[in-house]
Amino acid sequence: MSYVASQYAEALFSMALDENSITQTLDSFQQFTNVIDADMTKFLNHPKITKNDKKKIVETTVTNHLVKHFIFVLIDNHRMDLLSDVLLELHKIIDNQNRVMKVQVFSKAILSEEQQKQLIQNLSKKHNREIELENIVDTTIVGGLRIEYDGMILDDTINNYLHSLQANLMK
C-alpha cells in the first residue's frame, strides 16, 4: 500500500468519525468500488475526459454525500487509481479502531472448530483484540502452523524447522 493511499483513507475516516457515519461511509465506498469495472476505471482515469464529466458519473452513482465529495477530491487530484488501495487502508484503520486483528493461519489441512476456537482465544488473550481468523490450506506444509498478522509471521511448521536445521548444518 502506498503512503498517499493511507493519507486519503485517514482523511475519509476522520470525516466519517466527525459525522458519526463510519459504517455508512465504508458501505457506500465499498459499493462504489464494487460497481467500478475495467471500462469505468479507464473512464475515470482517462486524462482527456474532463473532471466535470467524471463527477457527473459519480454524482449519479453515489448517494452518500461524504463518499461522493471524497471521490470528487480524488478526481480533482488525479488519484482515482488509488481507489482500491484507499479502501484497503480504510478497512485497516476501522479494524484498528474497533480493535480487530485479522489473522491468517496456514496449515496442511483445515483446522477443526475446536482448534480454531482455541487459537482465537489464545491470540485474543495475548493481544487484547477481537480476532478474525482465516484458515488457509497449504499442501506444501509437512506439519504445524504458520500464523500471519499485523505484518508478523510466526512460523511453527516442520518445513521451517527443517530449513533451519539445514542452514545450521551448512555452516
Protein backbone atom coordinates (compact mmCIF):
# COMPACT_ATOMS: atom_id res chain seq x y z
CA MET A 1 0.00 0.00 0.00
CA SER A 2 1.12 3.49 -0.66
CA TYR A 3 1.62 6.26 1.83
CA VAL A 4 -0.65 8.50 -0.24
CA ALA A 5 -3.50 5.96 -0.12
CA SER A 6 -3.20 5.71 3.65
CA GLN A 7 -3.35 9.51 3.95
CA TYR A 8 -6.55 9.64 1.89
CA ALA A 9 -8.02 6.78 3.94
CA GLU A 10 -7.21 8.58 7.18
CA ALA A 11 -8.87 11.74 5.87
CA LEU A 12 -12.02 9.85 4.90
CA PHE A 13 -12.08 8.03 8.23
CA SER A 14 -11.66 11.30 10.12
CA MET A 15 -14.57 12.92 8.27
CA ALA A 16 -16.77 9.85 8.80
CA LEU A 17 -15.86 9.83 12.50
CA ASP A 18 -16.81 13.51 12.81
CA GLU A 19 -20.19 12.76 11.25
CA ASN A 20 -20.59 9.53 13.24
CA SER A 21 -21.14 7.63 9.99
CA ILE A 22 -18.21 5.23 9.74
CA THR A 23 -20.29 2.17 8.84
CA GLN A 24 -22.41 4.01 6.26
CA THR A 25 -19.33 5.61 4.72
CA LEU A 26 -17.48 2.32 4.49
CA ASP A 27 -20.52 0.58 2.98
CA SER A 28 -21.05 3.31 0.40
CA PHE A 29 -17.37 3.45 -0.53
CA GLN A 30 -17.26 -0.36 -0.78
CA GLN A 31 -20.35 -0.37 -3.03
CA PHE A 32 -18.81 2.24 -5.31
CA THR A 33 -15.57 0.30 -5.69
CA ASN A 34 -17.55 -2.90 -6.34
CA VAL A 35 -19.54 -1.21 -9.13
CA ILE A 36 -16.43 0.02 -10.90
CA ASP A 37 -15.47 -2.30 -13.74
CA ALA A 38 -12.49 -2.12 -16.10
CA ASP A 39 -14.22 0.24 -18.55
CA MET A 40 -15.36 2.57 -15.78
CA THR A 41 -11.84 2.58 -14.33
CA LYS A 42 -10.43 3.57 -17.72
CA PHE A 43 -13.05 6.31 -17.99
CA LEU A 44 -12.32 7.73 -14.53
CA ASN A 45 -8.55 7.63 -15.09
CA HIS A 46 -8.55 8.92 -18.68
CA PRO A 47 -6.70 12.26 -18.89
CA LYS A 48 -8.73 13.62 -21.82
CA ILE A 49 -12.10 13.24 -20.10
CA THR A 50 -12.93 16.36 -18.12
CA LYS A 51 -13.21 16.29 -14.37
CA ASN A 52 -16.79 17.55 -14.63
CA ASP A 53 -17.79 14.61 -16.84
CA LYS A 54 -16.25 12.22 -14.35
CA LYS A 55 -18.02 13.95 -11.47
CA LYS A 56 -21.38 13.70 -13.27
CA ILE A 57 -20.99 9.93 -13.37
CA VAL A 58 -20.10 9.81 -9.68
CA GLU A 59 -22.99 12.16 -8.87
CA THR A 60 -25.49 9.71 -10.34
CA THR A 61 -23.82 6.64 -8.83
CA VAL A 62 -23.01 7.61 -5.24
CA THR A 63 -25.71 8.67 -2.77
CA ASN A 64 -23.59 9.17 0.36
CA HIS A 65 -22.55 12.85 0.31
CA LEU A 66 -19.30 12.24 2.20
CA VAL A 67 -18.14 9.49 -0.16
CA LYS A 68 -19.30 11.48 -3.18
CA HIS A 69 -17.26 14.53 -2.21
CA PHE A 70 -14.30 12.35 -1.26
CA ILE A 71 -14.33 10.81 -4.73
CA PHE A 72 -14.57 14.32 -6.20
CA VAL A 73 -11.32 15.12 -4.35
CA LEU A 74 -9.70 12.01 -5.80
CA ILE A 75 -10.83 13.09 -9.28
CA ASP A 76 -9.57 16.66 -8.78
CA ASN A 77 -6.19 15.37 -7.62
CA HIS A 78 -5.91 12.71 -10.36
CA ARG A 79 -5.83 9.96 -7.73
CA MET A 80 -8.62 7.65 -8.91
CA ASP A 81 -6.02 4.94 -9.47
CA LEU A 82 -5.68 4.74 -5.66
CA LEU A 83 -9.33 3.81 -5.13
CA SER A 84 -8.81 0.15 -4.19
CA ASP A 85 -5.73 0.96 -2.08
CA VAL A 86 -7.68 3.62 -0.18
CA LEU A 87 -10.42 1.08 0.50
CA LEU A 88 -7.91 -1.46 1.88
CA GLU A 89 -6.31 1.18 4.08
CA LEU A 90 -9.73 2.33 5.30
CA HIS A 91 -10.56 -1.25 6.32
CA LYS A 92 -7.27 -1.42 8.26
CA ILE A 93 -7.99 1.85 10.06
CA ILE A 94 -11.51 0.78 11.01
CA ASP A 95 -10.29 -2.63 12.18
CA ASN A 96 -7.63 -0.93 14.30
CA GLN A 97 -10.22 1.46 15.74
CA ASN A 98 -12.52 -1.47 16.58
CA ARG A 99 -9.60 -3.48 17.98
CA VAL A 100 -10.00 -6.22 15.39
CA MET A 101 -6.99 -8.20 14.23
CA LYS A 102 -7.11 -10.25 11.03
CA VAL A 103 -5.10 -13.44 11.34
CA GLN A 104 -4.22 -15.87 8.59
CA VAL A 105 -3.36 -19.41 9.67
CA PHE A 106 -1.66 -21.67 7.14
CA SER A 107 -1.89 -25.39 7.78
CA LYS A 108 -1.70 -28.69 5.91
CA ALA A 109 -5.43 -29.32 6.47
CA ILE A 110 -8.37 -27.26 7.66
CA LEU A 111 -8.28 -26.76 11.42
CA SER A 112 -11.17 -28.19 13.44
CA GLU A 113 -13.69 -25.85 15.06
CA GLU A 114 -12.15 -26.60 18.44
CA GLN A 115 -8.61 -25.81 17.19
CA GLN A 116 -9.83 -22.55 15.65
CA LYS A 117 -11.66 -21.55 18.85
CA GLN A 118 -8.57 -22.32 20.93
CA LEU A 119 -6.31 -20.33 18.60
CA ILE A 120 -8.73 -17.38 18.58
CA GLN A 121 -8.96 -17.49 22.36
CA ASN A 122 -5.17 -17.58 22.83
CA LEU A 123 -4.49 -14.78 20.32
CA SER A 124 -7.31 -12.65 21.70
CA LYS A 125 -5.96 -13.03 25.22
CA LYS A 126 -2.38 -12.28 24.15
CA HIS A 127 -3.17 -9.21 22.02
CA ASN A 128 -6.32 -7.99 23.79
CA ARG A 129 -8.15 -7.72 20.49
CA GLU A 130 -11.01 -9.41 18.68
CA ILE A 131 -9.65 -11.97 16.23
CA GLU A 132 -10.90 -12.66 12.70
CA LEU A 133 -9.32 -15.94 11.72
CA GLU A 134 -8.83 -17.16 8.16
CA ASN A 135 -7.60 -20.75 7.80
CA ILE A 136 -5.68 -21.29 4.55
CA VAL A 137 -4.74 -24.78 3.47
CA ASP A 138 -1.17 -25.03 2.19
CA THR A 139 -0.39 -28.53 0.98
CA THR A 140 3.36 -27.81 0.96
CA ILE A 141 3.36 -27.69 4.76
CA VAL A 142 4.50 -31.01 6.24
CA GLY A 143 3.04 -30.22 9.66
CA GLY A 144 2.50 -27.41 12.13
CA LEU A 145 1.13 -23.90 11.60
CA ARG A 146 2.26 -20.61 10.13
CA ILE A 147 0.39 -17.64 11.61
CA GLU A 148 0.47 -14.19 9.98
CA TYR A 149 -0.95 -11.00 11.49
CA ASP A 150 -0.08 -7.31 11.66
CA GLY A 151 2.92 -7.84 9.41
CA MET A 152 4.33 -10.53 11.69
CA ILE A 153 4.93 -14.16 10.79
CA LEU A 154 5.04 -16.90 13.39
CA ASP A 155 6.30 -19.97 11.55
CA ASP A 156 5.97 -23.10 13.66
CA THR A 157 5.97 -25.55 10.77
CA ILE A 158 8.10 -28.63 10.29
CA ASN A 159 9.22 -27.08 7.00
CA ASN A 160 10.71 -24.14 8.88
CA TYR A 161 12.46 -26.42 11.38
CA LEU A 162 13.95 -28.50 8.56
CA HIS A 163 15.08 -25.36 6.74
CA SER A 164 16.72 -24.02 9.95
CA LEU A 165 18.38 -27.36 10.58
CA GLN A 166 19.72 -27.44 7.03
CA ALA A 167 21.07 -23.88 7.37
CA ASN A 168 22.81 -24.78 10.66
CA LEU A 169 24.36 -27.92 9.21
CA MET A 170 25.70 -26.00 6.23
CA LYS A 171 27.68 -23.62 8.49
